[in-house]
Amino acid sequence: MFSDRKASFKTPPQAVKETLTSQEARRNRALEEQKRRRAERIDSTRQLDILADLSLGHSDDEADEDDDPNPQPDIVHEGVGHFVTMLPPAITAPTPVSSESAQPLAPEINMQTTQEKKRPKNKRKGKGRASQQQQHDPSAGVPHGSGAGTRPRGAGKPKAKNAKPSKWADKCMYAELLEMKEGGFDASADLRDGIPEDIETGWVAVTPVPSGKRCIAVTHQTSGIAGVVPNTTLRSRVLGKALMKPFPSSLPPQTVLDCILDDNWRDNGILHVLDVITWKGQDLGDCETPFRFWWRDTRLSELPTFPPPPNAAAADSTSPTSYVFPHPTSFSPIPYHTDTSLRSLLSSLIPLTRAPRSVSVTVPLLTSTSDGSAMDMDGPGGSPLVQLQRIHAPIAADGLLLYVAQAAYEPGTSPLSVWIPLVAYQTREEAQVQPGVNIAESPLDVFERLVRRRLALGSAHQGTPEIEMAP
C-alpha cells in the first residue's frame, strides 16, 4: 500500500521544506512572489530602465515662477554623448594585414600543409607494418601477462554519458495536502482549522477529480492530416519520460495540457484535462485560474471529433467482442466551480465528489462471427463500415482540488493549490499493523466537518442581536 502511494499522482515529488511554517503563510508568500515576478516581467517589456535617466531640462512652468520681468525659455545645450553608453558595443573589423607582413608567413603555411598531407601516409605505413608483423608473429603487440588474442576488460566500450533530465520533468503544478486541524480556535472565535480564510471568495474548486496517473500532454508540429499523423505525446509527471508512443489527436500543435490518464483508458479511451499551460504556442500559465479553466473548456469543445481507429480492435479471450483503445481518443475536461461558499461546499461540491460520475464516449461495435471470434475489420472478410455506439463510461472519483483564483500556473509543488483526497493515505507504520486495511479517516470527511462547524459559527454570530451600551 505504501509503494502504491509513491506511484499515485497525488504524492508530491518532494516533501515540503518549511514544515514549521503554516500553510497559510507559505501560500501568501508564494502569491506575493508571483505578483512580484509578474510586475518585473511587465516592467522589463516596457524597458523603463532605459528611460529612467532621460531629462528634458527645465520646464516652462518653472520659468514663470522666477522674478525675471521678461522670462525666456531655457535652451538646453546638451549633446547626445551621454546616450552612447546605452548603445550596444560595436563590432570591430579585423585589421588588414600588409603584404610585407604576409610574405614571411607564406612558407610556414605551406610547410604546415605539406606536413599535414604527409602524416596520413606515415600512419598508413605504420599500420601496414604492424599488421605485417602480426601476420608473421601472432603474439606481437599483445601485452605481457595476458593471453594471446584477448582484449583487456572494458576496452573498446564507450563511456556512459550522464543522461540529461527531460525538460518536461516536474512541470505540473502539484497541490499540497490541505493541513486541517480539529478543535483549534481561540477565545476570539477565530478558527485555526487549516481551511483558508478566504475560501468563499478567493478560490476555485475542481471536483470530482478522477482516479488515474498524472501526466502532461504535449503536441508537436507535424505535416499531415490532423487526427491521422501522430502528433501527441504523454509525459510522466516526475521524470518527464514518455508513457506511450506518439499518437494522433485533434489537439492543435504546440499545445501543453496538464492531464490525468484514466485508470481504465484502454476500455474508454479517456484522458482527463485538468489545466492548460500552452495553447498553439500561446503561454497561458501567467493567466489567473478561472480564465485558464474557461479557456480549457471553450477550446476543447471546439475540437473536431474523430472515430476510434478501426485497426485497433483486439479480441479478448474472455470477451471476444471487446474493443481495446491503443491510445486516448477523448479529451474530457474536469468540471470546475467558482462558487466555493460554505453552503455550496456542503450542499453541492462535497456530495458531488462522492457521487458516481460517467462520461459519454464513442466505442466501435465489434460483430462476432459464427465461430464466436471477433471479426477483423481490416481483413479481407471484414466489413468496410464500422458501427459506432455511445456508451457511458463510469469514472472513479479520487478527491477535491482547490486553486487560488488569483494564482498563476507554476511548476512543482505549490501551496497555491490544495488537495483533499477521498481516501486517506496510509503510512508505512499503519500498513505494517494492518496490511491491506486503511484505518485512517477520510480527509474529505474531516473537511466536511470543519466546514459545518465554521458555517454554524458564522450563523451564530449573525443571529446574535447587537446590544447597545448606554452612555
Protein backbone atom coordinates (compact mmCIF):
# COMPACT_ATOMS: atom_id res chain seq x y z
CA MET A 1 0.00 0.00 0.00
CA PHE A 2 2.87 2.36 0.78
CA SER A 3 4.52 1.63 -2.57
CA ASP A 4 1.22 2.36 -4.32
CA ARG A 5 1.17 5.76 -2.64
CA LYS A 6 4.52 6.62 -4.21
CA ALA A 7 3.21 5.59 -7.61
CA SER A 8 0.00 7.59 -7.34
CA PHE A 9 -0.31 11.05 -8.87
CA LYS A 10 -1.33 12.63 -5.56
CA THR A 11 2.01 12.21 -3.83
CA PRO A 12 4.30 15.26 -4.08
CA PRO A 13 7.69 14.62 -5.65
CA GLN A 14 9.43 16.01 -2.57
CA ALA A 15 8.47 16.86 0.98
CA VAL A 16 7.68 20.40 2.00
CA LYS A 17 10.90 22.03 3.15
CA GLU A 18 9.38 24.62 5.50
CA THR A 19 7.47 22.30 7.79
CA LEU A 20 7.50 24.76 10.70
CA THR A 21 5.76 27.46 8.66
CA SER A 22 2.00 27.32 8.39
CA GLN A 23 0.44 26.55 5.05
CA GLU A 24 -1.42 29.85 5.05
CA ALA A 25 1.83 31.81 5.47
CA ARG A 26 3.55 29.88 2.70
CA ARG A 27 0.54 30.45 0.45
CA ASN A 28 0.60 34.20 0.99
CA ARG A 29 4.33 34.29 0.40
CA ALA A 30 4.03 32.32 -2.85
CA LEU A 31 1.23 34.61 -4.07
CA GLU A 32 3.28 37.73 -3.34
CA GLU A 33 6.25 36.19 -5.15
CA GLN A 34 4.10 35.58 -8.21
CA LYS A 35 2.90 39.18 -8.17
CA ARG A 36 6.47 40.45 -7.88
CA ARG A 37 7.68 38.34 -10.81
CA ARG A 38 4.75 39.45 -12.91
CA ALA A 39 5.44 43.14 -12.19
CA GLU A 40 9.12 42.70 -13.07
CA ARG A 41 8.21 40.97 -16.30
CA ILE A 42 5.87 43.79 -17.30
CA ASP A 43 8.48 46.43 -16.46
CA SER A 44 11.12 44.62 -18.47
CA THR A 45 8.88 44.56 -21.54
CA ARG A 46 8.25 48.29 -21.22
CA GLN A 47 12.02 48.96 -20.93
CA LEU A 48 11.57 51.61 -18.25
CA ASP A 49 15.19 51.36 -17.15
CA ILE A 50 16.39 52.93 -20.37
CA LEU A 51 14.09 55.94 -19.98
CA ALA A 52 14.73 56.43 -16.27
CA ASP A 53 17.76 58.75 -16.69
CA LEU A 54 16.38 60.87 -19.51
CA SER A 55 15.81 64.59 -18.85
CA LEU A 56 14.18 67.31 -20.94
CA GLY A 57 15.65 70.20 -18.98
CA HIS A 58 13.70 72.92 -17.15
CA SER A 59 10.05 73.24 -17.95
CA ASP A 60 8.24 76.46 -18.87
CA ASP A 61 6.27 76.36 -15.64
CA GLU A 62 9.44 76.71 -13.63
CA ALA A 63 10.46 79.74 -15.72
CA ASP A 64 7.19 81.54 -14.92
CA GLU A 65 7.89 81.30 -11.21
CA ASP A 66 11.11 83.35 -11.50
CA ASP A 67 11.20 87.08 -10.69
CA ASP A 68 12.54 87.95 -14.12
CA PRO A 69 10.16 90.51 -15.71
CA ASN A 70 11.00 89.16 -19.19
CA PRO A 71 11.15 85.43 -18.75
CA GLN A 72 12.65 83.48 -21.61
CA PRO A 73 12.54 79.73 -22.11
CA ASP A 74 15.77 77.98 -21.20
CA ILE A 75 17.64 76.41 -24.06
CA VAL A 76 19.15 73.10 -23.11
CA HIS A 77 22.67 72.92 -24.51
CA GLU A 78 23.17 69.22 -24.12
CA GLY A 79 24.51 66.83 -26.64
CA VAL A 80 23.79 63.21 -27.26
CA GLY A 81 27.12 61.97 -25.96
CA HIS A 82 25.67 60.51 -22.78
CA PHE A 83 23.42 58.27 -24.87
CA VAL A 84 26.42 56.42 -26.26
CA THR A 85 26.62 54.14 -23.23
CA MET A 86 23.14 52.83 -24.00
CA LEU A 87 24.13 51.59 -27.44
CA PRO A 88 25.29 48.01 -27.94
CA PRO A 89 29.03 47.53 -28.38
CA ALA A 90 30.17 47.92 -31.95
CA ILE A 91 31.79 45.01 -33.74
CA THR A 92 35.35 45.97 -34.67
CA ALA A 93 36.53 44.94 -38.11
CA PRO A 94 39.71 42.88 -38.32
CA THR A 95 42.85 44.86 -39.06
CA PRO A 96 44.17 44.36 -42.59
CA VAL A 97 47.42 42.58 -42.94
CA SER A 98 50.03 44.26 -45.11
CA SER A 99 51.67 42.44 -47.92
CA GLU A 100 55.07 42.74 -46.30
CA SER A 101 53.96 41.04 -43.09
CA ALA A 102 52.10 38.40 -45.01
CA GLN A 103 55.07 37.29 -47.10
CA PRO A 104 57.09 35.66 -44.30
CA LEU A 105 54.07 33.67 -43.22
CA ALA A 106 53.55 32.09 -46.59
CA PRO A 107 56.29 29.47 -46.39
CA GLU A 108 55.27 28.47 -42.87
CA ILE A 109 51.73 27.83 -44.01
CA ASN A 110 52.96 25.83 -46.92
CA MET A 111 55.19 23.76 -44.64
CA GLN A 112 52.23 23.02 -42.36
CA THR A 113 50.00 21.98 -45.20
CA THR A 114 52.69 19.72 -46.62
CA GLN A 115 53.24 18.12 -43.24
CA GLU A 116 49.52 17.54 -42.79
CA LYS A 117 49.41 15.88 -46.17
CA LYS A 118 52.32 13.61 -45.34
CA ARG A 119 51.05 12.49 -41.94
CA PRO A 120 48.27 10.20 -43.16
CA LYS A 121 50.74 8.40 -45.40
CA ASN A 122 53.11 7.76 -42.48
CA LYS A 123 50.23 6.47 -40.34
CA ARG A 124 49.10 4.12 -43.04
CA LYS A 125 52.62 2.81 -43.45
CA GLY A 126 52.89 2.23 -39.72
CA LYS A 127 49.62 0.38 -39.64
CA GLY A 128 50.68 -1.75 -42.54
CA ARG A 129 53.95 -2.66 -40.87
CA ALA A 130 52.18 -3.53 -37.63
CA SER A 131 49.68 -5.71 -39.46
CA GLN A 132 52.50 -7.47 -41.32
CA GLN A 133 54.30 -8.16 -38.05
CA GLN A 134 51.14 -9.59 -36.53
CA GLN A 135 50.70 -11.87 -39.54
CA HIS A 136 54.24 -13.26 -39.12
CA ASP A 137 54.17 -13.21 -35.32
CA PRO A 138 50.68 -13.56 -33.74
CA SER A 139 51.98 -12.71 -30.27
CA ALA A 140 53.32 -9.34 -31.39
CA GLY A 141 51.55 -6.34 -29.87
CA VAL A 142 50.00 -8.40 -27.04
CA PRO A 143 50.82 -7.04 -23.56
CA HIS A 144 52.79 -9.27 -21.20
CA GLY A 145 50.78 -11.29 -18.73
CA SER A 146 47.69 -11.70 -20.95
CA GLY A 147 46.71 -14.49 -23.27
CA ALA A 148 47.19 -14.22 -27.00
CA GLY A 149 44.23 -12.76 -28.86
CA THR A 150 42.49 -11.46 -25.74
CA ARG A 151 41.46 -7.84 -25.11
CA PRO A 152 41.62 -6.10 -21.75
CA ARG A 153 38.32 -5.90 -19.91
CA GLY A 154 36.40 -2.72 -20.70
CA ALA A 155 38.50 -1.87 -23.78
CA GLY A 156 36.56 -0.53 -26.72
CA LYS A 157 33.40 0.17 -24.71
CA PRO A 158 32.08 3.73 -24.90
CA LYS A 159 31.93 5.62 -21.66
CA ALA A 160 28.46 6.09 -20.25
CA LYS A 161 27.35 9.67 -20.52
CA ASN A 162 25.24 11.35 -17.89
CA ALA A 163 21.68 11.37 -19.14
CA LYS A 164 20.26 14.87 -19.26
CA PRO A 165 16.98 15.37 -17.41
CA SER A 166 13.95 15.89 -19.57
CA LYS A 167 12.68 19.43 -19.96
CA TRP A 168 9.20 18.15 -19.08
CA ALA A 169 10.26 16.80 -15.69
CA ASP A 170 8.29 18.21 -12.73
CA LYS A 171 6.35 20.71 -14.86
CA CYS A 172 2.95 20.02 -13.31
CA MET A 173 1.54 22.37 -10.71
CA TYR A 174 1.27 19.88 -7.88
CA ALA A 175 -1.05 20.57 -4.96
CA GLU A 176 -0.17 20.23 -1.31
CA LEU A 177 -2.32 18.28 1.10
CA LEU A 178 -4.65 20.57 3.00
CA GLU A 179 -3.37 20.83 6.58
CA MET A 180 -6.51 20.52 8.71
CA LYS A 181 -6.77 20.67 12.50
CA GLU A 182 -9.83 20.00 14.57
CA GLY A 183 -10.69 21.71 17.86
CA GLY A 184 -8.30 24.62 17.40
CA PHE A 185 -9.77 28.07 17.98
CA ASP A 186 -9.01 30.88 20.37
CA ALA A 187 -11.23 32.97 22.59
CA SER A 188 -11.97 35.48 19.84
CA ALA A 189 -13.71 32.72 17.87
CA ASP A 190 -11.01 32.83 15.18
CA LEU A 191 -10.80 29.31 13.86
CA ARG A 192 -7.38 27.74 13.38
CA ASP A 193 -8.58 24.69 11.49
CA GLY A 194 -6.40 24.99 8.37
CA ILE A 195 -9.22 25.96 5.99
CA PRO A 196 -8.31 29.15 4.10
CA GLU A 197 -9.88 32.28 5.48
CA ASP A 198 -10.98 33.45 2.01
CA ILE A 199 -12.37 30.07 0.99
CA GLU A 200 -15.68 31.65 -0.07
CA THR A 201 -14.30 34.42 -2.28
CA GLY A 202 -10.77 33.67 -3.47
CA TRP A 203 -10.78 30.03 -4.54
CA VAL A 204 -11.87 27.76 -7.40
CA ALA A 205 -12.89 24.13 -6.82
CA VAL A 206 -12.19 21.26 -9.24
CA THR A 207 -14.26 18.18 -8.49
CA PRO A 208 -14.68 15.31 -8.81
CA VAL A 209 -11.03 14.66 -9.64
CA PRO A 210 -10.82 11.26 -11.39
CA SER A 211 -8.52 8.49 -10.34
CA GLY A 212 -5.58 7.97 -12.67
CA LYS A 213 -1.99 8.87 -13.49
CA ARG A 214 -0.91 12.50 -13.61
CA CYS A 215 0.85 13.39 -16.86
CA ILE A 216 1.46 16.15 -19.41
CA ALA A 217 0.13 16.01 -22.97
CA VAL A 218 2.48 17.68 -25.47
CA THR A 219 1.68 18.18 -29.17
CA HIS A 220 4.26 18.69 -31.88
CA GLN A 221 4.28 20.36 -35.28
CA THR A 222 3.76 17.66 -37.88
CA SER A 223 2.94 17.62 -41.57
CA GLY A 224 -0.08 15.56 -42.41
CA ILE A 225 -3.78 15.17 -41.84
CA ALA A 226 -4.99 16.09 -38.35
CA GLY A 227 -6.16 13.07 -36.42
CA VAL A 228 -4.15 10.66 -38.58
CA VAL A 229 -0.49 11.66 -38.14
CA PRO A 230 0.92 11.04 -34.63
CA ASN A 231 1.38 14.45 -33.00
CA THR A 232 0.76 13.96 -29.26
CA THR A 233 3.00 12.52 -26.55
CA LEU A 234 2.16 11.83 -22.90
CA ARG A 235 4.93 12.66 -20.43
CA SER A 236 5.20 11.46 -16.84
CA ARG A 237 4.86 13.98 -14.05
CA VAL A 238 8.13 13.50 -12.16
CA LEU A 239 10.72 12.42 -14.76
CA GLY A 240 9.06 13.69 -17.93
CA LYS A 241 9.50 10.36 -19.74
CA ALA A 242 7.15 9.25 -22.50
CA LEU A 243 4.38 6.97 -21.21
CA MET A 244 3.47 5.63 -24.64
CA LYS A 245 4.29 6.07 -28.30
CA PRO A 246 3.13 9.28 -30.04
CA PHE A 247 -0.47 9.03 -31.18
CA PRO A 248 -2.74 11.15 -33.38
CA SER A 249 -5.18 13.59 -31.80
CA SER A 250 -7.25 16.61 -32.71
CA LEU A 251 -5.23 18.95 -30.46
CA PRO A 252 -3.51 21.85 -32.22
CA PRO A 253 0.29 21.88 -32.46
CA GLN A 254 2.46 23.46 -29.76
CA THR A 255 -0.07 22.75 -27.01
CA VAL A 256 0.76 21.60 -23.47
CA LEU A 257 -2.00 20.30 -21.18
CA ASP A 258 -1.96 19.16 -17.57
CA CYS A 259 -3.86 15.87 -17.65
CA ILE A 260 -4.82 12.73 -15.74
CA LEU A 261 -4.75 9.45 -17.63
CA ASP A 262 -7.79 7.44 -16.58
CA ASP A 263 -7.19 4.09 -14.89
CA ASN A 264 -9.44 2.37 -17.46
CA TRP A 265 -8.27 4.29 -20.52
CA ARG A 266 -7.88 1.08 -22.53
CA ASP A 267 -11.61 0.48 -22.15
CA ASN A 268 -12.90 4.05 -22.52
CA GLY A 269 -10.02 5.97 -24.18
CA ILE A 270 -10.42 8.97 -21.83
CA LEU A 271 -7.71 11.49 -20.99
CA HIS A 272 -8.94 13.94 -18.35
CA VAL A 273 -7.71 17.51 -18.87
CA LEU A 274 -7.02 19.30 -15.60
CA ASP A 275 -5.38 22.55 -16.73
CA VAL A 276 -3.96 24.24 -19.81
CA ILE A 277 -0.37 25.51 -19.89
CA THR A 278 0.17 26.40 -23.55
CA TRP A 279 -2.27 26.54 -26.45
CA LYS A 280 -0.98 26.92 -30.02
CA GLY A 281 2.27 28.33 -28.71
CA GLN A 282 0.50 30.92 -26.54
CA ASP A 283 1.62 30.76 -22.91
CA LEU A 284 -1.39 30.72 -20.58
CA GLY A 285 0.48 29.93 -17.37
CA ASP A 286 0.55 33.59 -16.30
CA CYS A 287 -3.25 33.87 -16.54
CA GLU A 288 -5.46 33.52 -13.49
CA THR A 289 -7.14 30.25 -12.62
CA PRO A 290 -10.77 30.98 -13.73
CA PHE A 291 -9.58 32.21 -17.13
CA ARG A 292 -7.43 29.13 -17.71
CA PHE A 293 -10.33 26.81 -16.91
CA TRP A 294 -12.71 28.78 -19.12
CA TRP A 295 -10.21 28.69 -21.95
CA ARG A 296 -9.75 24.94 -21.45
CA ASP A 297 -13.47 24.16 -21.70
CA THR A 298 -14.04 26.53 -24.64
CA ARG A 299 -11.16 25.28 -26.77
CA LEU A 300 -11.74 21.60 -26.06
CA SER A 301 -15.39 21.93 -27.09
CA GLU A 302 -14.28 23.34 -30.46
CA LEU A 303 -12.05 20.39 -31.34
CA PRO A 304 -13.26 18.07 -34.10
CA THR A 305 -14.12 14.52 -33.15
CA PHE A 306 -12.63 11.52 -34.92
CA PRO A 307 -13.86 7.93 -34.60
CA PRO A 308 -11.52 5.44 -32.96
CA PRO A 309 -9.18 3.70 -35.40
CA PRO A 310 -10.75 0.51 -36.73
CA ASN A 311 -7.45 -1.35 -36.85
CA ALA A 312 -7.12 -1.09 -33.06
CA ALA A 313 -9.79 -3.76 -32.44
CA ALA A 314 -8.43 -6.57 -30.30
CA ALA A 315 -10.20 -9.73 -29.28
CA ASP A 316 -10.02 -10.81 -25.67
CA SER A 317 -10.16 -14.45 -24.69
CA THR A 318 -12.98 -13.85 -22.23
CA SER A 319 -14.87 -11.19 -24.20
CA PRO A 320 -14.38 -11.64 -27.98
CA THR A 321 -16.41 -8.53 -28.85
CA SER A 322 -14.48 -6.08 -26.64
CA TYR A 323 -12.61 -3.12 -28.06
CA VAL A 324 -9.22 -2.07 -26.68
CA PHE A 325 -8.08 1.51 -27.22
CA PRO A 326 -4.46 1.77 -28.38
CA HIS A 327 -4.25 5.39 -27.16
CA PRO A 328 -6.55 8.03 -25.60
CA THR A 329 -9.07 9.46 -28.03
CA SER A 330 -11.35 11.59 -25.80
CA PHE A 331 -10.15 14.75 -24.03
CA SER A 332 -12.57 15.28 -21.17
CA PRO A 333 -12.25 18.45 -19.04
CA ILE A 334 -12.66 18.03 -15.30
CA PRO A 335 -15.56 20.20 -14.02
CA TYR A 336 -14.62 23.34 -12.11
CA HIS A 337 -16.78 25.53 -9.84
CA THR A 338 -16.28 29.19 -8.95
CA ASP A 339 -18.91 29.18 -6.17
CA THR A 340 -16.94 27.96 -3.17
CA SER A 341 -19.13 29.34 -0.41
CA LEU A 342 -19.60 27.23 2.71
CA ARG A 343 -23.19 26.40 1.81
CA SER A 344 -22.18 25.41 -1.72
CA LEU A 345 -19.41 23.18 -0.39
CA LEU A 346 -21.80 21.35 1.92
CA SER A 347 -24.77 21.08 -0.40
CA SER A 348 -23.12 20.62 -3.80
CA LEU A 349 -19.36 20.19 -4.08
CA ILE A 350 -18.66 17.65 -1.32
CA PRO A 351 -21.60 15.38 -2.28
CA LEU A 352 -20.55 15.71 -5.93
CA THR A 353 -17.12 14.39 -5.04
CA ARG A 354 -18.61 11.25 -3.51
CA ALA A 355 -21.28 10.68 -6.16
CA PRO A 356 -20.59 8.36 -9.12
CA ARG A 357 -19.84 10.09 -12.42
CA SER A 358 -19.90 8.90 -16.03
CA VAL A 359 -18.62 10.31 -19.32
CA SER A 360 -20.14 9.61 -22.74
CA VAL A 361 -17.61 8.15 -25.19
CA THR A 362 -17.76 6.60 -28.66
CA VAL A 363 -16.70 2.95 -28.96
CA PRO A 364 -16.71 0.77 -32.10
CA LEU A 365 -19.23 -2.06 -32.04
CA LEU A 366 -17.49 -5.31 -32.94
CA THR A 367 -19.52 -8.09 -34.53
CA SER A 368 -18.64 -11.72 -33.88
CA THR A 369 -18.52 -14.46 -36.49
CA SER A 370 -20.28 -17.78 -36.41
CA ASP A 371 -17.45 -19.50 -34.53
CA GLY A 372 -17.63 -16.88 -31.74
CA SER A 373 -14.44 -14.98 -32.62
CA ALA A 374 -14.32 -11.26 -33.28
CA MET A 375 -14.39 -10.08 -36.87
CA ASP A 376 -11.24 -8.42 -38.17
CA MET A 377 -12.43 -5.11 -39.58
CA ASP A 378 -9.27 -4.64 -41.65
CA GLY A 379 -9.08 -8.14 -43.03
CA PRO A 380 -10.46 -9.33 -46.36
CA GLY A 381 -13.62 -10.63 -44.73
CA GLY A 382 -14.21 -7.58 -42.58
CA SER A 383 -16.92 -5.03 -43.12
CA PRO A 384 -15.75 -1.72 -44.64
CA LEU A 385 -18.20 0.20 -42.46
CA VAL A 386 -17.55 0.37 -38.73
CA GLN A 387 -20.55 0.70 -36.45
CA LEU A 388 -20.12 3.14 -33.57
CA GLN A 389 -22.04 3.33 -30.34
CA ARG A 390 -22.20 5.84 -27.49
CA ILE A 391 -21.66 4.42 -24.04
CA HIS A 392 -21.44 5.96 -20.58
CA ALA A 393 -18.09 5.09 -19.06
CA PRO A 394 -18.01 5.18 -15.24
CA ILE A 395 -15.32 7.41 -13.72
CA ALA A 396 -13.90 6.68 -10.29
CA ALA A 397 -13.57 9.79 -8.11
CA ASP A 398 -10.43 10.46 -6.14
CA GLY A 399 -10.93 13.75 -4.30
CA LEU A 400 -11.34 17.52 -4.39
CA LEU A 401 -8.87 20.17 -5.61
CA LEU A 402 -8.86 23.83 -4.58
CA TYR A 403 -6.97 26.53 -6.53
CA VAL A 404 -6.28 30.13 -5.54
CA ALA A 405 -8.25 32.23 -8.02
CA GLN A 406 -5.59 34.93 -8.46
CA ALA A 407 -2.69 32.50 -8.78
CA ALA A 408 -0.85 31.70 -11.97
CA TYR A 409 0.26 28.24 -13.05
CA GLU A 410 3.67 27.38 -11.63
CA PRO A 411 5.55 24.08 -11.95
CA GLY A 412 6.37 21.94 -8.94
CA THR A 413 4.68 21.56 -5.58
CA SER A 414 2.86 24.75 -4.66
CA PRO A 415 0.71 25.81 -1.67
CA LEU A 416 -1.46 27.81 -4.11
CA SER A 417 -3.35 24.58 -4.75
CA VAL A 418 -4.51 22.19 -2.03
CA TRP A 419 -5.68 18.60 -2.33
CA ILE A 420 -8.38 16.87 -0.29
CA PRO A 421 -8.38 13.14 -1.12
CA LEU A 422 -11.41 10.94 -0.81
CA VAL A 423 -9.42 8.11 0.82
CA ALA A 424 -6.77 8.78 3.45
CA TYR A 425 -3.14 7.98 2.83
CA GLN A 426 -1.77 5.02 4.70
CA THR A 427 1.63 5.42 6.30
CA ARG A 428 4.24 2.67 6.49
CA GLU A 429 3.52 2.03 10.18
CA GLU A 430 -0.21 1.67 9.54
CA ALA A 431 0.44 -0.69 6.65
CA GLN A 432 2.59 -2.90 8.87
CA VAL A 433 -0.04 -3.06 11.64
CA GLN A 434 -2.97 -3.98 9.40
CA PRO A 435 -1.86 -4.81 5.85
CA GLY A 436 -4.48 -4.01 3.24
CA VAL A 437 -6.77 -2.17 5.70
CA ASN A 438 -6.86 1.61 5.89
CA ILE A 439 -7.82 2.66 9.38
CA ALA A 440 -7.33 6.41 8.89
CA GLU A 441 -10.33 8.70 8.48
CA SER A 442 -11.14 10.16 5.11
CA PRO A 443 -9.76 13.72 4.73
CA LEU A 444 -12.93 14.69 2.88
CA ASP A 445 -15.00 13.74 5.94
CA VAL A 446 -12.76 15.89 8.14
CA PHE A 447 -13.07 18.77 5.68
CA GLU A 448 -16.86 18.49 5.68
CA ARG A 449 -16.98 18.51 9.47
CA LEU A 450 -14.80 21.61 9.68
CA VAL A 451 -16.89 23.42 7.07
CA ARG A 452 -20.06 22.61 9.03
CA ARG A 453 -18.53 23.95 12.21
CA ARG A 454 -17.38 27.14 10.52
CA LEU A 455 -20.81 27.65 8.96
CA ALA A 456 -22.53 27.08 12.31
CA LEU A 457 -20.19 29.52 14.00
CA GLY A 458 -20.83 32.16 11.34
CA SER A 459 -24.60 31.78 11.55
CA ALA A 460 -24.41 32.04 15.35
CA HIS A 461 -22.58 35.35 15.09
CA GLN A 462 -25.09 36.65 12.54
CA GLY A 463 -28.06 35.62 14.65
CA THR A 464 -26.83 37.25 17.86
CA PRO A 465 -28.55 40.63 18.34
CA GLU A 466 -26.35 43.63 18.86
CA ILE A 467 -26.51 45.20 22.38
CA GLU A 468 -26.23 48.96 22.57
CA MET A 469 -24.40 50.21 25.62
CA ALA A 470 -25.92 53.17 27.47
CA PRO A 471 -23.78 56.32 27.53
